[in-house]
C-alpha atoms as a PDB file:
ATOM      1  CA  MET A   1       0.372  -0.245  -0.263  1.00  0.00           C
ATOM      2  CA  GLN A   2       1.366   3.901  -1.180  1.00  0.00           C
ATOM      3  CA  PHE A   3       0.171   6.452   2.062  1.00  0.00           C
ATOM      4  CA  GLY A   4       0.813   9.970  -0.073  1.00  0.00           C
ATOM      5  CA  ILE A   5      -0.568  13.497   1.399  1.00  0.00           C
ATOM      6  CA  CYS A   6      -2.518  16.576  -0.434  1.00  0.00           C
ATOM      7  CA  LEU A   7       0.083  19.674  -0.278  1.00  0.00           C
ATOM      8  CA  PRO A   8       1.603  21.928  -2.839  1.00  0.00           C
ATOM      9  CA  ILE A   9       4.363  20.417  -4.757  1.00  0.00           C
ATOM     10  CA  ALA A  10       6.566  22.587  -2.912  1.00  0.00           C
ATOM     11  CA  ASP A  11       5.400  20.809   0.514  1.00  0.00           C
ATOM     12  CA  ALA A  12       7.179  17.627  -1.208  1.00  0.00           C
ATOM     13  CA  LYS A  13      10.298  18.000   1.174  1.00  0.00           C
ATOM     14  CA  ILE A  14       8.102  17.994   4.316  1.00  0.00           C
ATOM     15  CA  ALA A  15       5.901  15.213   3.269  1.00  0.00           C
ATOM     16  CA  HIS A  16       9.466  12.758   1.913  1.00  0.00           C
ATOM     17  CA  ALA A  17      10.994  13.979   5.139  1.00  0.00           C
ATOM     18  CA  ALA A  18       8.114  12.434   6.979  1.00  0.00           C
ATOM     19  CA  GLY A  19       8.164   8.860   5.369  1.00  0.00           C
ATOM     20  CA  PHE A  20       5.069   9.555   3.059  1.00  0.00           C
ATOM     21  CA  ASP A  21       5.515   7.553  -0.991  1.00  0.00           C
ATOM     22  CA  PHE A  22       3.762  10.214  -2.544  1.00  0.00           C
ATOM     23  CA  VAL A  23       2.593  14.280  -3.255  1.00  0.00           C
ATOM     24  CA  GLU A  24      -1.288  14.558  -4.412  1.00  0.00           C
ATOM     25  CA  PRO A  25      -1.037  18.396  -5.353  1.00  0.00           C
ATOM     26  CA  THR A  26      -3.511  20.490  -7.693  1.00  0.00           C
ATOM     27  CA  VAL A  27      -4.837  20.192 -11.475  1.00  0.00           C
ATOM     28  CA  ARG A  28      -4.693  23.991 -10.659  1.00  0.00           C
ATOM     29  CA  SER A  29      -1.526  24.601  -9.869  1.00  0.00           C
ATOM     30  CA  LEU A  30      -0.551  23.799 -13.495  1.00  0.00           C
ATOM     31  CA  SER A  31      -2.064  26.934 -14.634  1.00  0.00           C
ATOM     32  CA  PRO A  32      -3.788  24.667 -17.710  1.00  0.00           C
ATOM     33  CA  LEU A  33      -4.733  27.045 -19.945  1.00  0.00           C
ATOM     34  CA  GLU A  34      -1.821  29.153 -19.065  1.00  0.00           C
ATOM     35  CA  PRO A  35       1.233  29.055 -22.181  1.00  0.00           C
ATOM     36  CA  ASP A  36       4.530  28.782 -20.361  1.00  0.00           C
ATOM     37  CA  PHE A  37       4.436  24.877 -18.955  1.00  0.00           C
ATOM     38  CA  ASP A  38       8.397  24.886 -18.366  1.00  0.00           C
ATOM     39  CA  SER A  39       8.196  27.681 -15.086  1.00  0.00           C
ATOM     40  CA  ILE A  40       5.427  24.779 -13.761  1.00  0.00           C
ATOM     41  CA  ARG A  41       6.360  22.153 -14.330  1.00  0.00           C
ATOM     42  CA  ALA A  42      10.597  22.761 -13.114  1.00  0.00           C
ATOM     43  CA  PRO A  43       9.557  22.005  -9.077  1.00  0.00           C
ATOM     44  CA  PHE A  44       8.406  18.411  -9.906  1.00  0.00           C
ATOM     45  CA  ASP A  45      10.800  17.733 -12.016  1.00  0.00           C
ATOM     46  CA  SER A  46      13.350  18.280  -9.234  1.00  0.00           C
ATOM     47  CA  ALA A  47      10.936  16.788  -6.256  1.00  0.00           C
ATOM     48  CA  PRO A  48      12.084  14.403  -3.894  1.00  0.00           C
ATOM     49  CA  LEU A  49       8.466  12.241  -4.549  1.00  0.00           C
ATOM     50  CA  PRO A  50       6.317  11.239  -7.229  1.00  0.00           C
ATOM     51  CA  THR A  51       2.762  13.252  -8.163  1.00  0.00           C
ATOM     52  CA  PRO A  52       0.706   9.815  -9.625  1.00  0.00           C
ATOM     53  CA  VAL A  53      -2.213  12.091  -8.468  1.00  0.00           C
ATOM     54  CA  PHE A  54      -3.649  15.118  -8.710  1.00  0.00           C
ATOM     55  CA  ASN A  55      -6.804  17.107  -7.513  1.00  0.00           C
ATOM     56  CA  VAL A  56      -8.850  20.316  -7.918  1.00  0.00           C
ATOM     57  CA  PHE A  57      -9.783  19.347 -11.288  1.00  0.00           C
ATOM     58  CA  VAL A  58     -12.562  22.139 -12.959  1.00  0.00           C
ATOM     59  CA  PRO A  59     -12.054  24.924 -11.444  1.00  0.00           C
ATOM     60  CA  THR A  60     -15.763  26.750 -10.969  1.00  0.00           C
ATOM     61  CA  GLU A  61     -15.605  29.064 -13.859  1.00  0.00           C
ATOM     62  CA  ILE A  62     -15.666  25.568 -16.188  1.00  0.00           C
ATOM     63  CA  PRO A  63     -19.344  24.146 -15.449  1.00  0.00           C
ATOM     64  CA  VAL A  64     -20.058  20.523 -15.951  1.00  0.00           C
ATOM     65  CA  THR A  65     -24.108  21.146 -15.296  1.00  0.00           C
ATOM     66  CA  GLY A  66     -26.488  24.030 -15.348  1.00  0.00           C
ATOM     67  CA  PRO A  67     -27.803  26.096 -18.487  1.00  0.00           C
ATOM     68  CA  GLU A  68     -23.928  27.795 -18.882  1.00  0.00           C
ATOM     69  CA  VAL A  69     -21.646  24.182 -19.651  1.00  0.00           C
ATOM     70  CA  ASP A  70     -19.687  25.421 -22.942  1.00  0.00           C
ATOM     71  CA  TRP A  71     -18.579  21.953 -23.876  1.00  0.00           C
ATOM     72  CA  GLU A  72     -15.453  23.076 -26.158  1.00  0.00           C
ATOM     73  CA  ARG A  73     -14.514  25.186 -23.486  1.00  0.00           C
ATOM     74  CA  VAL A  74     -14.860  21.773 -21.438  1.00  0.00           C
ATOM     75  CA  GLU A  75     -12.426  20.634 -23.854  1.00  0.00           C
ATOM     76  CA  SER A  76     -10.519  22.559 -24.351  1.00  0.00           C
ATOM     77  CA  TYR A  77      -9.599  22.019 -20.694  1.00  0.00           C
ATOM     78  CA  LEU A  78      -9.504  18.401 -20.026  1.00  0.00           C
ATOM     79  CA  GLU A  79      -7.133  18.529 -22.912  1.00  0.00           C
ATOM     80  CA  ALA A  80      -5.011  20.815 -21.507  1.00  0.00           C
ATOM     81  CA  ALA A  81      -5.544  19.792 -18.169  1.00  0.00           C
ATOM     82  CA  ILE A  82      -5.071  16.152 -18.699  1.00  0.00           C
ATOM     83  CA  GLY A  83      -1.709  16.284 -21.009  1.00  0.00           C
ATOM     84  CA  ARG A  84      -0.212  18.439 -18.264  1.00  0.00           C
ATOM     85  CA  VAL A  85      -0.487  15.976 -15.889  1.00  0.00           C
ATOM     86  CA  ALA A  86       0.183  13.128 -17.688  1.00  0.00           C
ATOM     87  CA  ALA A  87       3.101  15.257 -18.936  1.00  0.00           C
ATOM     88  CA  LEU A  88       4.754  14.813 -14.626  1.00  0.00           C
ATOM     89  CA  ALA A  89       3.566  11.226 -14.505  1.00  0.00           C
ATOM     90  CA  GLY A  90      -0.026  11.478 -13.192  1.00  0.00           C
ATOM     91  CA  LYS A  91      -1.405   8.234 -13.894  1.00  0.00           C
ATOM     92  CA  ALA A  92      -5.193   9.753 -11.850  1.00  0.00           C
ATOM     93  CA  ILE A  93      -7.165  12.965 -11.176  1.00  0.00           C
ATOM     94  CA  VAL A  94      -9.968  13.353  -8.210  1.00  0.00           C
ATOM     95  CA  PHE A  95     -12.908  14.732  -9.902  1.00  0.00           C
ATOM     96  CA  GLY A  96     -14.931  16.441  -7.002  1.00  0.00           C
ATOM     97  CA  SER A  97     -14.709  19.830  -8.335  1.00  0.00           C
ATOM     98  CA  GLY A  98     -17.722  21.033  -5.889  1.00  0.00           C
ATOM     99  CA  GLY A  99     -18.589  24.274  -7.431  1.00  0.00           C
ATOM    100  CA  ALA A 100     -17.646  23.434 -11.072  1.00  0.00           C
ATOM    101  CA  ARG A 101     -20.850  20.405 -11.055  1.00  0.00           C
ATOM    102  CA  ARG A 102     -22.810  22.198  -8.670  1.00  0.00           C
ATOM    103  CA  VAL A 103     -26.214  22.255  -9.796  1.00  0.00           C
ATOM    104  CA  PRO A 104     -28.296  25.577 -10.528  1.00  0.00           C
ATOM    105  CA  ASP A 105     -31.395  26.088  -8.732  1.00  0.00           C
ATOM    106  CA  GLY A 106     -33.890  25.497 -10.880  1.00  0.00           C
ATOM    107  CA  PHE A 107     -32.068  23.443 -13.267  1.00  0.00           C
ATOM    108  CA  ALA A 108     -33.712  20.172 -13.632  1.00  0.00           C
ATOM    109  CA  ARG A 109     -31.308  17.372 -11.860  1.00  0.00           C
ATOM    110  CA  GLN A 110     -31.991  14.193 -14.308  1.00  0.00           C
ATOM    111  CA  GLU A 111     -30.639  16.688 -17.132  1.00  0.00           C
ATOM    112  CA  ALA A 112     -27.392  17.453 -14.680  1.00  0.00           C
ATOM    113  CA  ASN A 113     -26.705  13.463 -14.060  1.00  0.00           C
ATOM    114  CA  GLN A 114     -26.642  13.030 -18.151  1.00  0.00           C
ATOM    115  CA  GLN A 115     -24.697  15.886 -18.100  1.00  0.00           C
ATOM    116  CA  LEU A 116     -21.848  14.368 -15.695  1.00  0.00           C
ATOM    117  CA  VAL A 117     -22.218  11.626 -18.010  1.00  0.00           C
ATOM    118  CA  ARG A 118     -21.089  13.450 -20.948  1.00  0.00           C
ATOM    119  CA  PHE A 119     -18.307  15.298 -18.994  1.00  0.00           C
ATOM    120  CA  LEU A 120     -16.945  11.928 -17.574  1.00  0.00           C
ATOM    121  CA  ARG A 121     -17.533  10.032 -21.075  1.00  0.00           C
ATOM    122  CA  LEU A 122     -15.599  13.074 -22.726  1.00  0.00           C
ATOM    123  CA  ALA A 123     -13.414  13.525 -19.752  1.00  0.00           C
ATOM    124  CA  GLY A 124     -12.645   9.444 -19.875  1.00  0.00           C
ATOM    125  CA  GLY A 125     -11.418   9.876 -23.631  1.00  0.00           C
ATOM    126  CA  ILE A 126      -9.502  11.980 -22.994  1.00  0.00           C
ATOM    127  CA  ALA A 127      -7.476  10.285 -20.223  1.00  0.00           C
ATOM    128  CA  GLU A 128      -7.764   6.890 -21.505  1.00  0.00           C
ATOM    129  CA  ARG A 129      -5.242   8.829 -25.078  1.00  0.00           C
ATOM    130  CA  ASN A 130      -2.925   9.804 -22.016  1.00  0.00           C
ATOM    131  CA  ASP A 131      -2.808   6.692 -19.900  1.00  0.00           C
ATOM    132  CA  VAL A 132      -4.855   8.575 -16.935  1.00  0.00           C
ATOM    133  CA  THR A 133      -7.360   7.405 -14.951  1.00  0.00           C
ATOM    134  CA  ILE A 134     -10.358   9.889 -13.150  1.00  0.00           C
ATOM    135  CA  VAL A 135     -11.928   9.395 -10.420  1.00  0.00           C
ATOM    136  CA  ILE A 136     -15.285  10.059  -8.954  1.00  0.00           C
ATOM    137  CA  GLU A 137     -15.061  12.175  -5.462  1.00  0.00           C
ATOM    138  CA  PRO A 138     -18.695  12.120  -3.829  1.00  0.00           C
ATOM    139  CA  LEU A 139     -18.524  15.241  -2.289  1.00  0.00           C
ATOM    140  CA  ASN A 140     -20.362  16.232   1.323  1.00  0.00           C
ATOM    141  CA  ALA A 141     -23.693  17.959   0.876  1.00  0.00           C
ATOM    142  CA  ARG A 142     -22.934  21.364   2.232  1.00  0.00           C
ATOM    143  CA  GLU A 143     -19.643  21.296  -0.352  1.00  0.00           C
ATOM    144  CA  SER A 144     -22.184  19.600  -3.058  1.00  0.00           C
ATOM    145  CA  ASN A 145     -25.257  19.636  -4.011  1.00  0.00           C
ATOM    146  CA  ILE A 146     -25.200  15.999  -6.602  1.00  0.00           C
ATOM    147  CA  VAL A 147     -22.970  12.989  -5.835  1.00  0.00           C
ATOM    148  CA  ASN A 148     -23.131  13.159  -1.945  1.00  0.00           C
ATOM    149  CA  SER A 149     -22.322   8.966  -1.562  1.00  0.00           C
ATOM    150  CA  VAL A 150     -19.676   6.414  -2.256  1.00  0.00           C
ATOM    151  CA  VAL A 151     -23.170   4.787  -3.885  1.00  0.00           C
ATOM    152  CA  GLU A 152     -23.816   7.642  -6.194  1.00  0.00           C
ATOM    153  CA  GLY A 153     -20.575   7.863  -7.564  1.00  0.00           C
ATOM    154  CA  MET A 154     -20.919   4.170  -8.065  1.00  0.00           C
ATOM    155  CA  GLU A 155     -23.657   5.372  -9.882  1.00  0.00           C
ATOM    156  CA  LEU A 156     -22.616   8.047 -11.777  1.00  0.00           C
ATOM    157  CA  ALA A 157     -19.469   5.731 -13.076  1.00  0.00           C
ATOM    158  CA  GLN A 158     -21.873   2.796 -14.242  1.00  0.00           C
ATOM    159  CA  ALA A 159     -23.747   5.330 -16.359  1.00  0.00           C
ATOM    160  CA  ALA A 160     -20.829   7.092 -17.437  1.00  0.00           C
ATOM    161  CA  ASP A 161     -19.413   3.379 -18.289  1.00  0.00           C
ATOM    162  CA  HIS A 162     -16.015   4.020 -19.413  1.00  0.00           C
ATOM    163  CA  PRO A 163     -12.892   2.477 -18.482  1.00  0.00           C
ATOM    164  CA  ARG A 164     -11.380   5.463 -17.751  1.00  0.00           C
ATOM    165  CA  VAL A 165     -13.825   6.649 -14.935  1.00  0.00           C
ATOM    166  CA  ARG A 166     -14.034   5.073 -11.670  1.00  0.00           C
ATOM    167  CA  LEU A 167     -14.588   5.876  -7.847  1.00  0.00           C
ATOM    168  CA  LEU A 168     -13.023   7.644  -4.908  1.00  0.00           C
ATOM    169  CA  ALA A 169     -13.654   7.295  -0.956  1.00  0.00           C
ATOM    170  CA  ASP A 170     -13.100   9.768   1.297  1.00  0.00           C
ATOM    171  CA  LEU A 171     -13.209   9.193   4.640  1.00  0.00           C
ATOM    172  CA  TYR A 172     -14.250  12.579   5.800  1.00  0.00           C
ATOM    173  CA  HIS A 173     -16.818  13.171   3.342  1.00  0.00           C
ATOM    174  CA  MET A 174     -18.721   9.907   4.592  1.00  0.00           C
ATOM    175  CA  MET A 175     -18.880  10.523   7.994  1.00  0.00           C
ATOM    176  CA  GLU A 176     -19.756  14.081   7.513  1.00  0.00           C
ATOM    177  CA  ASP A 177     -22.646  13.109   5.995  1.00  0.00           C
ATOM    178  CA  ASP A 178     -22.947   9.885   8.264  1.00  0.00           C
ATOM    179  CA  GLU A 179     -23.350   7.710   5.371  1.00  0.00           C
ATOM    180  CA  PRO A 180     -22.722   3.738   6.120  1.00  0.00           C
ATOM    181  CA  LEU A 181     -19.353   2.287   6.488  1.00  0.00           C
ATOM    182  CA  GLU A 182     -21.156  -1.023   4.342  1.00  0.00           C
ATOM    183  CA  ASN A 183     -21.145   1.371   0.970  1.00  0.00           C
ATOM    184  CA  ILE A 184     -17.536   0.543   1.145  1.00  0.00           C
ATOM    185  CA  THR A 185     -17.946  -2.381   0.492  1.00  0.00           C
ATOM    186  CA  THR A 186     -21.104  -2.301  -1.637  1.00  0.00           C
ATOM    187  CA  CYS A 187     -18.963  -0.062  -4.381  1.00  0.00           C
ATOM    188  CA  ALA A 188     -15.230  -1.874  -3.901  1.00  0.00           C
ATOM    189  CA  ALA A 189     -14.624  -3.287  -7.159  1.00  0.00           C
ATOM    190  CA  TRP A 190     -14.866   0.560  -8.118  1.00  0.00           C
ATOM    191  CA  LEU A 191     -12.948   1.977  -6.048  1.00  0.00           C
ATOM    192  CA  ASP A 192      -9.662   3.383  -7.668  1.00  0.00           C
ATOM    193  CA  HIS A 193      -8.001   6.078  -4.558  1.00  0.00           C
ATOM    194  CA  VAL A 194      -8.875   7.258  -1.102  1.00  0.00           C
ATOM    195  CA  HIS A 195      -8.882   9.817   0.977  1.00  0.00           C
ATOM    196  CA  VAL A 196      -8.937  10.456   4.752  1.00  0.00           C
ATOM    197  CA  ALA A 197      -8.512  12.538   7.516  1.00  0.00           C
ATOM    198  CA  ASP A 198     -10.627  12.874  11.012  1.00  0.00           C
ATOM    199  CA  THR A 199     -12.749  13.752  13.113  1.00  0.00           C
ATOM    200  CA  THR A 200     -13.070  18.356  11.893  1.00  0.00           C
ATOM    201  CA  ARG A 201     -10.684  17.261   8.720  1.00  0.00           C
ATOM    202  CA  GLY A 202      -8.146  17.298  10.993  1.00  0.00           C
ATOM    203  CA  ALA A 203      -4.725  14.394  10.624  1.00  0.00           C
ATOM    204  CA  PRO A 204      -5.298  10.997  11.400  1.00  0.00           C
ATOM    205  CA  GLY A 205      -4.803   9.439  14.227  1.00  0.00           C
ATOM    206  CA  GLU A 206      -6.059  13.192  16.023  1.00  0.00           C
ATOM    207  CA  GLY A 207      -9.504  11.992  16.349  1.00  0.00           C
ATOM    208  CA  ASP A 208     -11.832   9.627  16.458  1.00  0.00           C
ATOM    209  CA  TYR A 209     -13.166   8.078  12.908  1.00  0.00           C
ATOM    210  CA  PRO A 210     -13.705   4.841  12.554  1.00  0.00           C
ATOM    211  CA  TYR A 211     -10.523   4.044  10.838  1.00  0.00           C
ATOM    212  CA  GLU A 212     -10.730  -0.073  11.602  1.00  0.00           C
ATOM    213  CA  GLU A 213     -13.699  -0.870  10.368  1.00  0.00           C
ATOM    214  CA  PHE A 214     -12.969   1.562   7.082  1.00  0.00           C
ATOM    215  CA  PHE A 215      -9.433  -0.321   6.325  1.00  0.00           C
ATOM    216  CA  ARG A 216     -11.049  -3.800   7.079  1.00  0.00           C
ATOM    217  CA  ARG A 217     -13.595  -2.894   4.651  1.00  0.00           C
ATOM    218  CA  LEU A 218     -10.944  -1.734   1.952  1.00  0.00           C
ATOM    219  CA  HIS A 219      -9.374  -5.133   3.166  1.00  0.00           C
ATOM    220  CA  ALA A 220     -12.157  -7.058   2.303  1.00  0.00           C
ATOM    221  CA  GLY A 221     -12.798  -5.525  -0.451  1.00  0.00           C
ATOM    222  CA  GLY A 222      -9.442  -6.752  -2.094  1.00  0.00           C
ATOM    223  CA  TYR A 223      -8.313  -2.815  -2.397  1.00  0.00           C
ATOM    224  CA  SER A 224      -4.776  -2.496  -2.789  1.00  0.00           C
ATOM    225  CA  GLY A 225      -4.880   1.187  -4.863  1.00  0.00           C
ATOM    226  CA  ARG A 226      -3.046   4.320  -3.276  1.00  0.00           C
ATOM    227  CA  ILE A 227      -4.731   5.959  -0.337  1.00  0.00           C
ATOM    228  CA  SER A 228      -3.783  10.055   0.407  1.00  0.00           C
ATOM    229  CA  ILE A 229      -4.955  12.150   3.100  1.00  0.00           C
ATOM    230  CA  GLU A 230      -6.517  15.610   2.470  1.00  0.00           C
ATOM    231  CA  CYS A 231      -6.922  17.525   5.550  1.00  0.00           C
ATOM    232  CA  ARG A 232      -5.917  20.802   7.830  1.00  0.00           C
ATOM    233  CA  TRP A 233      -2.900  20.526   9.334  1.00  0.00           C
ATOM    234  CA  ASP A 234      -2.206  23.108  12.449  1.00  0.00           C
ATOM    235  CA  ASP A 235       1.633  22.150  12.044  1.00  0.00           C
ATOM    236  CA  LEU A 236       2.665  20.050   9.322  1.00  0.00           C
ATOM    237  CA  GLU A 237       5.682  19.858  10.180  1.00  0.00           C
ATOM    238  CA  ARG A 238       5.026  18.097  13.393  1.00  0.00           C
ATOM    239  CA  GLN A 239       2.043  16.363  12.213  1.00  0.00           C
ATOM    240  CA  ALA A 240       2.804  14.592   9.007  1.00  0.00           C
ATOM    241  CA  GLY A 241       5.015  11.999  10.308  1.00  0.00           C
ATOM    242  CA  PRO A 242       3.057  10.458  13.356  1.00  0.00           C
ATOM    243  CA  ALA A 243      -0.373  10.296  10.961  1.00  0.00           C
ATOM    244  CA  GLY A 244       1.297   8.831   8.402  1.00  0.00           C
ATOM    245  CA  GLN A 245       2.625   5.850  10.817  1.00  0.00           C
ATOM    246  CA  PHE A 246      -1.210   5.838  11.968  1.00  0.00           C
ATOM    247  CA  LEU A 247      -2.149   4.824   9.028  1.00  0.00           C
ATOM    248  CA  ARG A 248       0.695   2.507   8.331  1.00  0.00           C
ATOM    249  CA  ARG A 249       0.418   0.529  11.857  1.00  0.00           C
ATOM    250  CA  MET A 250      -4.147   0.507  10.821  1.00  0.00           C
ATOM    251  CA  TRP A 251      -3.578  -0.445   7.887  1.00  0.00           C
ATOM    252  CA  ASP A 252      -0.851  -3.397   8.939  1.00  0.00           C
ATOM    253  CA  GLU A 253      -3.538  -4.419  11.926  1.00  0.00           C
ATOM    254  CA  THR A 254      -6.370  -4.782   9.966  1.00  0.00           C
ATOM    255  CA  GLN A 255      -5.018  -6.769   7.589  1.00  0.00           C
END
């Protein structure tokens, strides 16, 4: 199992010193629509850890649901963004993007779902050409008004029906919405990435989230992908090492 941490590439040295296997930066940090990529990629090329996964995929100003969707603009953005991730040896992109996928008030939910399917098929096709996978991230109801559970994420992936569209489970979002951990078992075959945090989105091991059950269900489902910490840090250099050690210990103890 590989454990990573969601951080800017500038903090990769801290993650490396703390014993992590990879860093998960944002797609936004790659400035996909800016022409100068050489200066952007330089810190990635010299970083002490790889960046196999990227998050914060689609900016709010490029909506993928609602009456203002501009599919030519969406496609242009996807070509640029996924291309840059691939250029940095990225293998997965997390599609959370709560602002971009937010369904506008009064807009038909069924049509919004159809738009998400169209988006994922479009993104999946571009991802396939770049040897990248798109993973749908269900978000809690405060951060998104569509795709709020792992089951809903699975159903969306099934509707998209593309081999490069998979699913993410995030312990924090599940706990925020009281989503049953049984859903990990239900959706195990679709899982391709995992995010974790602890109570109030703190560092793993500093709260009371049910890691034992969560990890046991991942083990039972045969999960062998990556796990990234996505949390709020009070003191990254002090907390990162113990958080990573906690995760590795819990993973080993729940096998």
